[in-house]
Amino acid sequence: MDMSSGLKKVFTLRNLGWLFIAFLIFLLIMVILDLFIMPFYTKHGKEYELPDVTDKPLKEATRILDSTGFDPIVKDSVYDENFSPGAIIQQNPLPYTLVKKGRRVYLVVSIGEKPIYVPRVIGLTPQDAEFRLKEKGLNLNQIIYEFSDFYMRGTVMNQSIPAGEAAKRNQRVNITVSLGPPPTSLEIPNLVGKSLVSAEKELDVIGVRIGLIKYAYRPNLVPGTVLNQSVSPGTSAAKIESINLLVSTDEPPPQEIPEDTTLNNGKVE
């Protein structure tokens, strides 16, 4: 073996040694990164339970998440009748999930109950008006009767909450129903077939009050329908103070009144 070959062999072994040392150093660095540096950087092993902020006001929910090291972000705002306006409906991640500090928490906020817009019921019958209101989640409260030269008898001429106005669910709405044109002379009107409320309104206009009211069981009629009156229609109302009425009911009395019952001075005949 010549001198040059021996030197080459020595240098080759020395390079292999350095390569082996470099490999060991690399392995050591990787171990240090994996066991110490990366866990510190990623906060490995330090996960925290996410607090439950659902049903809390947004301001309070934000404060809780901020104080516990999380990042609250409002993702969406939706109508929800089960949550008050500004309350948290959902959070993502879910409550009590184990997450790292600084994690973003996406929140869905309630803007309250979806508003109901009052429908137009003017021009409808009271029955149709009540049905239309119920369709929208509203209730018919009081029916007021008034004379009108512009609306047909039995149609709604006014409503207490204007059409298109926002209202709360189950809110009550009053309606005014037309009795038709007012009487042109002070004569007793024909009240038979009309409701007791309508009869009272018509009599009030001409200054006559309802006196005695008798009830007769008539299951085929709407309760409160006038069956007979003690003063004939067309009679001058000038000297009439009160009128006695026979009115239908759906509750059978102890003694049923015959169909052809008439009234005379408040006495049933």
C-alpha atoms as a PDB file:
ATOM      1  CA  MET A   1       0.000   0.000   0.000  1.00  0.00           C
ATOM      2  CA  ASP A   2       1.452   3.363  -0.998  1.00  0.00           C
ATOM      3  CA  MET A   3       1.381   6.560   1.076  1.00  0.00           C
ATOM      4  CA  SER A   4      -1.411   8.262  -0.876  1.00  0.00           C
ATOM      5  CA  SER A   5      -3.798   5.313  -0.492  1.00  0.00           C
ATOM      6  CA  GLY A   6      -3.238   5.272   3.297  1.00  0.00           C
ATOM      7  CA  LEU A   7      -3.969   8.960   3.612  1.00  0.00           C
ATOM      8  CA  LYS A   8      -7.163   8.639   1.596  1.00  0.00           C
ATOM      9  CA  LYS A   9      -8.323   5.831   3.883  1.00  0.00           C
ATOM     10  CA  VAL A  10      -7.626   7.905   7.021  1.00  0.00           C
ATOM     11  CA  PHE A  11      -9.537  10.892   5.665  1.00  0.00           C
ATOM     12  CA  THR A  12     -12.470   8.684   4.640  1.00  0.00           C
ATOM     13  CA  LEU A  13     -12.746   7.201   8.146  1.00  0.00           C
ATOM     14  CA  ARG A  14     -12.492  10.659   9.666  1.00  0.00           C
ATOM     15  CA  ASN A  15     -15.294  11.967   7.385  1.00  0.00           C
ATOM     16  CA  LEU A  16     -17.499   9.042   8.353  1.00  0.00           C
ATOM     17  CA  GLY A  17     -16.838   9.874  11.993  1.00  0.00           C
ATOM     18  CA  TRP A  18     -17.864  13.469  11.505  1.00  0.00           C
ATOM     19  CA  LEU A  19     -20.935  12.405   9.610  1.00  0.00           C
ATOM     20  CA  PHE A  20     -21.875  10.072  12.455  1.00  0.00           C
ATOM     21  CA  ILE A  21     -21.345  12.857  14.998  1.00  0.00           C
ATOM     22  CA  ALA A  22     -23.428  15.253  12.872  1.00  0.00           C
ATOM     23  CA  PHE A  23     -26.192  12.649  12.691  1.00  0.00           C
ATOM     24  CA  LEU A  24     -26.146  12.267  16.477  1.00  0.00           C
ATOM     25  CA  ILE A  25     -26.328  16.045  16.902  1.00  0.00           C
ATOM     26  CA  PHE A  26     -29.269  16.160  14.485  1.00  0.00           C
ATOM     27  CA  LEU A  27     -31.070  13.455  16.436  1.00  0.00           C
ATOM     28  CA  LEU A  28     -30.411  15.328  19.685  1.00  0.00           C
ATOM     29  CA  ILE A  29     -31.801  18.550  18.216  1.00  0.00           C
ATOM     30  CA  MET A  30     -34.932  16.722  16.998  1.00  0.00           C
ATOM     31  CA  VAL A  31     -35.466  15.189  20.436  1.00  0.00           C
ATOM     32  CA  ILE A  32     -35.093  18.592  22.104  1.00  0.00           C
ATOM     33  CA  LEU A  33     -37.551  20.125  19.607  1.00  0.00           C
ATOM     34  CA  ASP A  34     -40.068  17.331  20.089  1.00  0.00           C
ATOM     35  CA  LEU A  35     -39.881  17.152  23.867  1.00  0.00           C
ATOM     36  CA  PHE A  36     -39.348  20.768  24.854  1.00  0.00           C
ATOM     37  CA  ILE A  37     -39.553  23.445  22.195  1.00  0.00           C
ATOM     38  CA  MET A  38     -42.593  22.265  20.178  1.00  0.00           C
ATOM     39  CA  PRO A  39     -44.730  21.444  23.230  1.00  0.00           C
ATOM     40  CA  PHE A  40     -43.936  24.904  24.596  1.00  0.00           C
ATOM     41  CA  TYR A  41     -44.790  26.525  21.272  1.00  0.00           C
ATOM     42  CA  THR A  42     -48.028  24.582  20.757  1.00  0.00           C
ATOM     43  CA  LYS A  43     -48.842  24.511  24.497  1.00  0.00           C
ATOM     44  CA  HIS A  44     -49.140  20.749  24.212  1.00  0.00           C
ATOM     45  CA  GLY A  45     -50.718  19.206  27.285  1.00  0.00           C
ATOM     46  CA  LYS A  46     -52.257  22.526  28.362  1.00  0.00           C
ATOM     47  CA  GLU A  47     -55.863  22.222  27.218  1.00  0.00           C
ATOM     48  CA  TYR A  48     -58.624  23.954  29.108  1.00  0.00           C
ATOM     49  CA  GLU A  49     -62.341  23.361  29.468  1.00  0.00           C
ATOM     50  CA  LEU A  50     -64.383  25.809  27.415  1.00  0.00           C
ATOM     51  CA  PRO A  51     -66.984  27.614  29.573  1.00  0.00           C
ATOM     52  CA  ASP A  52     -70.688  27.445  28.713  1.00  0.00           C
ATOM     53  CA  VAL A  53     -71.903  30.889  27.595  1.00  0.00           C
ATOM     54  CA  THR A  54     -75.184  29.838  25.953  1.00  0.00           C
ATOM     55  CA  ASP A  55     -78.253  31.798  27.096  1.00  0.00           C
ATOM     56  CA  LYS A  56     -75.972  34.546  28.440  1.00  0.00           C
ATOM     57  CA  PRO A  57     -76.024  38.144  27.143  1.00  0.00           C
ATOM     58  CA  LEU A  58     -73.402  38.794  24.481  1.00  0.00           C
ATOM     59  CA  LYS A  59     -71.505  41.286  26.645  1.00  0.00           C
ATOM     60  CA  GLU A  60     -71.269  38.845  29.538  1.00  0.00           C
ATOM     61  CA  ALA A  61     -70.360  35.914  27.257  1.00  0.00           C
ATOM     62  CA  THR A  62     -67.559  37.961  25.672  1.00  0.00           C
ATOM     63  CA  ARG A  63     -66.222  38.951  29.067  1.00  0.00           C
ATOM     64  CA  ILE A  64     -66.187  35.331  30.298  1.00  0.00           C
ATOM     65  CA  LEU A  65     -64.389  34.040  27.203  1.00  0.00           C
ATOM     66  CA  ASP A  66     -61.871  36.887  27.199  1.00  0.00           C
ATOM     67  CA  SER A  67     -61.072  36.415  30.882  1.00  0.00           C
ATOM     68  CA  THR A  68     -60.455  32.690  30.398  1.00  0.00           C
ATOM     69  CA  GLY A  69     -58.095  33.190  27.457  1.00  0.00           C
ATOM     70  CA  PHE A  70     -60.362  32.510  24.479  1.00  0.00           C
ATOM     71  CA  ASP A  71     -61.214  34.631  21.454  1.00  0.00           C
ATOM     72  CA  PRO A  72     -64.999  35.216  21.060  1.00  0.00           C
ATOM     73  CA  ILE A  73     -66.254  35.951  17.534  1.00  0.00           C
ATOM     74  CA  VAL A  74     -69.888  36.637  16.611  1.00  0.00           C
ATOM     75  CA  LYS A  75     -70.598  34.378  13.650  1.00  0.00           C
ATOM     76  CA  ASP A  76     -74.297  35.075  13.075  1.00  0.00           C
ATOM     77  CA  SER A  77     -77.463  36.708  14.453  1.00  0.00           C
ATOM     78  CA  VAL A  78     -80.803  34.929  14.009  1.00  0.00           C
ATOM     79  CA  TYR A  79     -84.441  35.150  15.129  1.00  0.00           C
ATOM     80  CA  ASP A  80     -85.303  32.817  17.988  1.00  0.00           C
ATOM     81  CA  GLU A  81     -88.392  33.172  20.177  1.00  0.00           C
ATOM     82  CA  ASN A  82     -86.850  30.945  22.868  1.00  0.00           C
ATOM     83  CA  PHE A  83     -83.982  33.347  23.582  1.00  0.00           C
ATOM     84  CA  SER A  84     -84.135  36.993  24.571  1.00  0.00           C
ATOM     85  CA  PRO A  85     -82.531  39.518  22.186  1.00  0.00           C
ATOM     86  CA  GLY A  86     -78.742  39.576  22.569  1.00  0.00           C
ATOM     87  CA  ALA A  87     -78.520  36.136  24.212  1.00  0.00           C
ATOM     88  CA  ILE A  88     -76.146  33.459  22.945  1.00  0.00           C
ATOM     89  CA  ILE A  89     -77.985  30.629  21.158  1.00  0.00           C
ATOM     90  CA  GLN A  90     -74.990  28.487  20.145  1.00  0.00           C
ATOM     91  CA  GLN A  91     -71.249  28.352  20.557  1.00  0.00           C
ATOM     92  CA  ASN A  92     -68.627  26.455  18.590  1.00  0.00           C
ATOM     93  CA  PRO A  93     -66.704  24.572  19.966  1.00  0.00           C
ATOM     94  CA  LEU A  94     -69.387  23.239  22.284  1.00  0.00           C
ATOM     95  CA  PRO A  95     -69.360  24.008  26.028  1.00  0.00           C
ATOM     96  CA  TYR A  96     -66.927  22.032  28.184  1.00  0.00           C
ATOM     97  CA  THR A  97     -64.816  21.004  25.174  1.00  0.00           C
ATOM     98  CA  LEU A  98     -61.068  20.764  25.952  1.00  0.00           C
ATOM     99  CA  VAL A  99     -59.275  23.348  23.808  1.00  0.00           C
ATOM    100  CA  LYS A 100     -56.085  25.389  23.919  1.00  0.00           C
ATOM    101  CA  LYS A 101     -55.830  28.952  25.104  1.00  0.00           C
ATOM    102  CA  GLY A 102     -56.393  31.523  22.398  1.00  0.00           C
ATOM    103  CA  ARG A 103     -58.878  29.285  20.566  1.00  0.00           C
ATOM    104  CA  ARG A 104     -61.545  31.146  18.605  1.00  0.00           C
ATOM    105  CA  VAL A 105     -65.076  30.571  19.876  1.00  0.00           C
ATOM    106  CA  TYR A 106     -67.796  31.298  17.324  1.00  0.00           C
ATOM    107  CA  LEU A 107     -71.082  32.609  18.724  1.00  0.00           C
ATOM    108  CA  VAL A 108     -74.635  32.744  17.325  1.00  0.00           C
ATOM    109  CA  VAL A 109     -76.659  35.587  18.880  1.00  0.00           C
ATOM    110  CA  SER A 110     -80.446  35.842  19.173  1.00  0.00           C
ATOM    111  CA  ILE A 111     -82.200  38.938  17.842  1.00  0.00           C
ATOM    112  CA  GLY A 112     -85.420  37.883  19.565  1.00  0.00           C
ATOM    113  CA  GLU A 113     -88.762  36.746  18.260  1.00  0.00           C
ATOM    114  CA  LYS A 114     -89.457  37.215  14.577  1.00  0.00           C
ATOM    115  CA  PRO A 115     -91.883  40.132  14.258  1.00  0.00           C
ATOM    116  CA  ILE A 116     -95.483  39.490  13.205  1.00  0.00           C
ATOM    117  CA  TYR A 117     -97.022  41.989  10.819  1.00  0.00           C
ATOM    118  CA  VAL A 118    -100.717  42.679  11.349  1.00  0.00           C
ATOM    119  CA  PRO A 119    -102.839  41.742   8.320  1.00  0.00           C
ATOM    120  CA  ARG A 120    -105.490  44.010   6.830  1.00  0.00           C
ATOM    121  CA  VAL A 121    -108.930  42.825   7.933  1.00  0.00           C
ATOM    122  CA  ILE A 122    -110.978  45.872   6.908  1.00  0.00           C
ATOM    123  CA  GLY A 123    -113.751  44.827   4.542  1.00  0.00           C
ATOM    124  CA  LEU A 124    -113.897  41.270   5.908  1.00  0.00           C
ATOM    125  CA  THR A 125    -116.620  39.719   8.031  1.00  0.00           C
ATOM    126  CA  PRO A 126    -115.809  39.385  11.759  1.00  0.00           C
ATOM    127  CA  GLN A 127    -115.410  35.615  11.306  1.00  0.00           C
ATOM    128  CA  ASP A 128    -112.965  35.999   8.410  1.00  0.00           C
ATOM    129  CA  ALA A 129    -111.099  38.717  10.290  1.00  0.00           C
ATOM    130  CA  GLU A 130    -110.662  36.451  13.308  1.00  0.00           C
ATOM    131  CA  PHE A 131    -109.405  33.623  11.078  1.00  0.00           C
ATOM    132  CA  ARG A 132    -106.931  35.938   9.335  1.00  0.00           C
ATOM    133  CA  LEU A 133    -105.587  37.184  12.677  1.00  0.00           C
ATOM    134  CA  LYS A 134    -105.164  33.648  14.017  1.00  0.00           C
ATOM    135  CA  GLU A 135    -103.223  32.709  10.885  1.00  0.00           C
ATOM    136  CA  LYS A 136    -100.662  35.343  11.866  1.00  0.00           C
ATOM    137  CA  GLY A 137    -100.527  34.301  15.541  1.00  0.00           C
ATOM    138  CA  LEU A 138    -102.741  37.155  16.756  1.00  0.00           C
ATOM    139  CA  ASN A 139    -106.021  37.123  18.705  1.00  0.00           C
ATOM    140  CA  LEU A 140    -109.309  38.922  18.176  1.00  0.00           C
ATOM    141  CA  ASN A 141    -110.112  40.844  21.344  1.00  0.00           C
ATOM    142  CA  GLN A 142    -113.208  43.076  21.187  1.00  0.00           C
ATOM    143  CA  ILE A 143    -115.787  43.675  18.474  1.00  0.00           C
ATOM    144  CA  ILE A 144    -117.232  47.203  18.412  1.00  0.00           C
ATOM    145  CA  TYR A 145    -120.341  48.003  16.385  1.00  0.00           C
ATOM    146  CA  GLU A 146    -120.974  51.381  14.746  1.00  0.00           C
ATOM    147  CA  PHE A 147    -123.153  52.803  11.989  1.00  0.00           C
ATOM    148  CA  SER A 148    -121.451  53.673   8.729  1.00  0.00           C
ATOM    149  CA  ASP A 149    -122.476  55.210   5.405  1.00  0.00           C
ATOM    150  CA  PHE A 150    -119.403  53.752   3.682  1.00  0.00           C
ATOM    151  CA  TYR A 151    -119.181  50.121   4.817  1.00  0.00           C
ATOM    152  CA  MET A 152    -121.750  47.397   4.284  1.00  0.00           C
ATOM    153  CA  ARG A 153    -123.499  46.023   7.296  1.00  0.00           C
ATOM    154  CA  GLY A 154    -121.523  43.198   8.911  1.00  0.00           C
ATOM    155  CA  THR A 155    -118.104  44.148   7.501  1.00  0.00           C
ATOM    156  CA  VAL A 156    -115.042  45.316   9.428  1.00  0.00           C
ATOM    157  CA  MET A 157    -114.575  49.072   9.068  1.00  0.00           C
ATOM    158  CA  ASN A 158    -111.633  49.635  11.431  1.00  0.00           C
ATOM    159  CA  GLN A 159    -108.920  47.746  13.332  1.00  0.00           C
ATOM    160  CA  SER A 160    -107.087  48.843  16.487  1.00  0.00           C
ATOM    161  CA  ILE A 161    -103.626  47.980  15.111  1.00  0.00           C
ATOM    162  CA  PRO A 162    -103.042  49.221  11.539  1.00  0.00           C
ATOM    163  CA  ALA A 163    -102.255  46.713   8.818  1.00  0.00           C
ATOM    164  CA  GLY A 164     -98.524  46.197   8.304  1.00  0.00           C
ATOM    165  CA  GLU A 165     -97.561  47.239  11.825  1.00  0.00           C
ATOM    166  CA  ALA A 166     -95.315  44.873  13.802  1.00  0.00           C
ATOM    167  CA  ALA A 167     -96.928  43.094  16.748  1.00  0.00           C
ATOM    168  CA  LYS A 168     -96.036  40.442  19.296  1.00  0.00           C
ATOM    169  CA  ARG A 169     -97.345  36.895  19.126  1.00  0.00           C
ATOM    170  CA  ASN A 170    -100.814  36.482  20.704  1.00  0.00           C
ATOM    171  CA  GLN A 171    -101.313  40.250  20.811  1.00  0.00           C
ATOM    172  CA  ARG A 172    -104.993  41.191  20.873  1.00  0.00           C
ATOM    173  CA  VAL A 173    -106.614  43.258  18.135  1.00  0.00           C
ATOM    174  CA  ASN A 174    -109.960  45.082  18.363  1.00  0.00           C
ATOM    175  CA  ILE A 175    -112.150  45.493  15.297  1.00  0.00           C
ATOM    176  CA  THR A 176    -115.085  47.802  14.524  1.00  0.00           C
ATOM    177  CA  VAL A 177    -117.953  46.289  12.540  1.00  0.00           C
ATOM    178  CA  SER A 178    -120.411  48.314  10.493  1.00  0.00           C
ATOM    179  CA  LEU A 179    -124.109  48.346  11.350  1.00  0.00           C
ATOM    180  CA  GLY A 180    -124.844  49.920   7.997  1.00  0.00           C
ATOM    181  CA  PRO A 181    -126.284  53.425   7.519  1.00  0.00           C
ATOM    182  CA  PRO A 182    -127.816  55.027  10.611  1.00  0.00           C
ATOM    183  CA  PRO A 183    -131.641  55.127  10.793  1.00  0.00           C
ATOM    184  CA  THR A 184    -133.174  58.180   9.123  1.00  0.00           C
ATOM    185  CA  SER A 185    -136.091  58.458  11.571  1.00  0.00           C
ATOM    186  CA  LEU A 186    -136.640  57.648  15.218  1.00  0.00           C
ATOM    187  CA  GLU A 187    -138.560  54.446  14.658  1.00  0.00           C
ATOM    188  CA  ILE A 188    -138.118  51.110  16.374  1.00  0.00           C
ATOM    189  CA  PRO A 189    -135.924  48.991  14.080  1.00  0.00           C
ATOM    190  CA  ASN A 190    -136.519  45.355  13.274  1.00  0.00           C
ATOM    191  CA  LEU A 191    -134.183  43.541  15.653  1.00  0.00           C
ATOM    192  CA  VAL A 192    -135.213  39.949  14.925  1.00  0.00           C
ATOM    193  CA  GLY A 193    -132.322  37.912  13.559  1.00  0.00           C
ATOM    194  CA  LYS A 194    -129.716  40.374  14.774  1.00  0.00           C
ATOM    195  CA  SER A 195    -127.239  39.814  17.579  1.00  0.00           C
ATOM    196  CA  LEU A 196    -128.009  41.133  21.038  1.00  0.00           C
ATOM    197  CA  VAL A 197    -124.959  43.402  20.802  1.00  0.00           C
ATOM    198  CA  SER A 198    -126.097  44.813  17.460  1.00  0.00           C
ATOM    199  CA  ALA A 199    -129.671  45.322  18.774  1.00  0.00           C
ATOM    200  CA  GLU A 200    -128.387  47.187  21.813  1.00  0.00           C
ATOM    201  CA  LYS A 201    -126.286  49.440  19.589  1.00  0.00           C
ATOM    202  CA  GLU A 202    -129.189  50.272  17.277  1.00  0.00           C
ATOM    203  CA  LEU A 203    -131.513  51.020  20.183  1.00  0.00           C
ATOM    204  CA  ASP A 204    -128.923  53.200  21.841  1.00  0.00           C
ATOM    205  CA  VAL A 205    -128.798  55.441  18.773  1.00  0.00           C
ATOM    206  CA  ILE A 206    -132.539  56.209  19.016  1.00  0.00           C
ATOM    207  CA  GLY A 207    -132.444  56.566  22.808  1.00  0.00           C
ATOM    208  CA  VAL A 208    -134.240  53.321  23.707  1.00  0.00           C
ATOM    209  CA  ARG A 209    -132.786  50.861  26.185  1.00  0.00           C
ATOM    210  CA  ILE A 210    -133.196  47.099  26.444  1.00  0.00           C
ATOM    211  CA  GLY A 211    -135.502  46.117  29.277  1.00  0.00           C
ATOM    212  CA  LEU A 212    -136.208  42.500  30.128  1.00  0.00           C
ATOM    213  CA  ILE A 213    -134.308  39.778  28.285  1.00  0.00           C
ATOM    214  CA  LYS A 214    -135.733  36.259  28.103  1.00  0.00           C
ATOM    215  CA  TYR A 215    -133.715  33.348  26.752  1.00  0.00           C
ATOM    216  CA  ALA A 216    -135.002  30.461  24.649  1.00  0.00           C
ATOM    217  CA  TYR A 217    -133.079  27.283  23.825  1.00  0.00           C
ATOM    218  CA  ARG A 218    -132.410  27.333  20.085  1.00  0.00           C
ATOM    219  CA  PRO A 219    -129.422  25.043  19.349  1.00  0.00           C
ATOM    220  CA  ASN A 220    -129.689  25.705  15.605  1.00  0.00           C
ATOM    221  CA  LEU A 221    -129.036  29.451  16.023  1.00  0.00           C
ATOM    222  CA  VAL A 222    -126.017  31.464  17.048  1.00  0.00           C
ATOM    223  CA  PRO A 223    -126.297  32.185  20.791  1.00  0.00           C
ATOM    224  CA  GLY A 224    -127.431  35.765  21.443  1.00  0.00           C
ATOM    225  CA  THR A 225    -129.671  36.060  18.353  1.00  0.00           C
ATOM    226  CA  VAL A 226    -132.813  38.152  18.848  1.00  0.00           C
ATOM    227  CA  LEU A 227    -135.941  35.998  18.339  1.00  0.00           C
ATOM    228  CA  ASN A 228    -138.660  38.482  19.208  1.00  0.00           C
ATOM    229  CA  GLN A 229    -139.202  42.013  20.458  1.00  0.00           C
ATOM    230  CA  SER A 230    -141.966  43.538  22.591  1.00  0.00           C
ATOM    231  CA  VAL A 231    -142.432  46.619  20.357  1.00  0.00           C
ATOM    232  CA  SER A 232    -143.185  46.192  16.669  1.00  0.00           C
ATOM    233  CA  PRO A 233    -140.710  47.536  14.091  1.00  0.00           C
ATOM    234  CA  GLY A 234    -141.698  50.913  12.659  1.00  0.00           C
ATOM    235  CA  THR A 235    -143.284  52.111  15.899  1.00  0.00           C
ATOM    236  CA  SER A 236    -142.368  55.689  16.804  1.00  0.00           C
ATOM    237  CA  ALA A 237    -139.613  55.672  19.388  1.00  0.00           C
ATOM    238  CA  ALA A 238    -140.677  59.024  20.872  1.00  0.00           C
ATOM    239  CA  LYS A 239    -142.577  57.512  23.811  1.00  0.00           C
ATOM    240  CA  ILE A 240    -140.747  54.165  24.083  1.00  0.00           C
ATOM    241  CA  GLU A 241    -138.287  53.925  26.957  1.00  0.00           C
ATOM    242  CA  SER A 242    -137.354  50.247  26.737  1.00  0.00           C
ATOM    243  CA  ILE A 243    -137.920  47.115  24.682  1.00  0.00           C
ATOM    244  CA  ASN A 244    -138.018  43.554  25.992  1.00  0.00           C
ATOM    245  CA  LEU A 245    -136.265  40.915  23.909  1.00  0.00           C
ATOM    246  CA  LEU A 246    -136.390  37.153  23.469  1.00  0.00           C
ATOM    247  CA  VAL A 247    -132.877  35.894  22.724  1.00  0.00           C
ATOM    248  CA  SER A 248    -131.508  32.489  21.704  1.00  0.00           C
ATOM    249  CA  THR A 249    -129.180  30.426  23.871  1.00  0.00           C
ATOM    250  CA  ASP A 250    -127.404  27.098  23.427  1.00  0.00           C
ATOM    251  CA  GLU A 251    -127.961  26.124  27.059  1.00  0.00           C
ATOM    252  CA  PRO A 252    -131.335  24.419  27.603  1.00  0.00           C
ATOM    253  CA  PRO A 253    -133.348  26.104  30.392  1.00  0.00           C
ATOM    254  CA  PRO A 254    -135.265  24.127  33.044  1.00  0.00           C
ATOM    255  CA  GLN A 255    -138.447  24.775  31.048  1.00  0.00           C
ATOM    256  CA  GLU A 256    -138.069  25.224  27.312  1.00  0.00           C
ATOM    257  CA  ILE A 257    -139.875  28.203  25.764  1.00  0.00           C
ATOM    258  CA  PRO A 258    -141.947  27.265  22.669  1.00  0.00           C
ATOM    259  CA  GLU A 259    -140.863  28.417  19.196  1.00  0.00           C
ATOM    260  CA  ASP A 260    -143.912  30.745  18.752  1.00  0.00           C
ATOM    261  CA  THR A 261    -143.281  32.673  21.982  1.00  0.00           C
ATOM    262  CA  THR A 262    -144.063  36.420  21.854  1.00  0.00           C
ATOM    263  CA  LEU A 263    -143.472  39.220  24.302  1.00  0.00           C
ATOM    264  CA  ASN A 264    -146.050  41.603  25.742  1.00  0.00           C
ATOM    265  CA  ASN A 265    -144.980  44.213  28.275  1.00  0.00           C
ATOM    266  CA  GLY A 266    -142.138  42.015  29.447  1.00  0.00           C
ATOM    267  CA  LYS A 267    -144.335  38.934  29.939  1.00  0.00           C
ATOM    268  CA  VAL A 268    -143.757  35.741  28.015  1.00  0.00           C
ATOM    269  CA  GLU A 269    -146.909  34.583  26.202  1.00  0.00           C
END
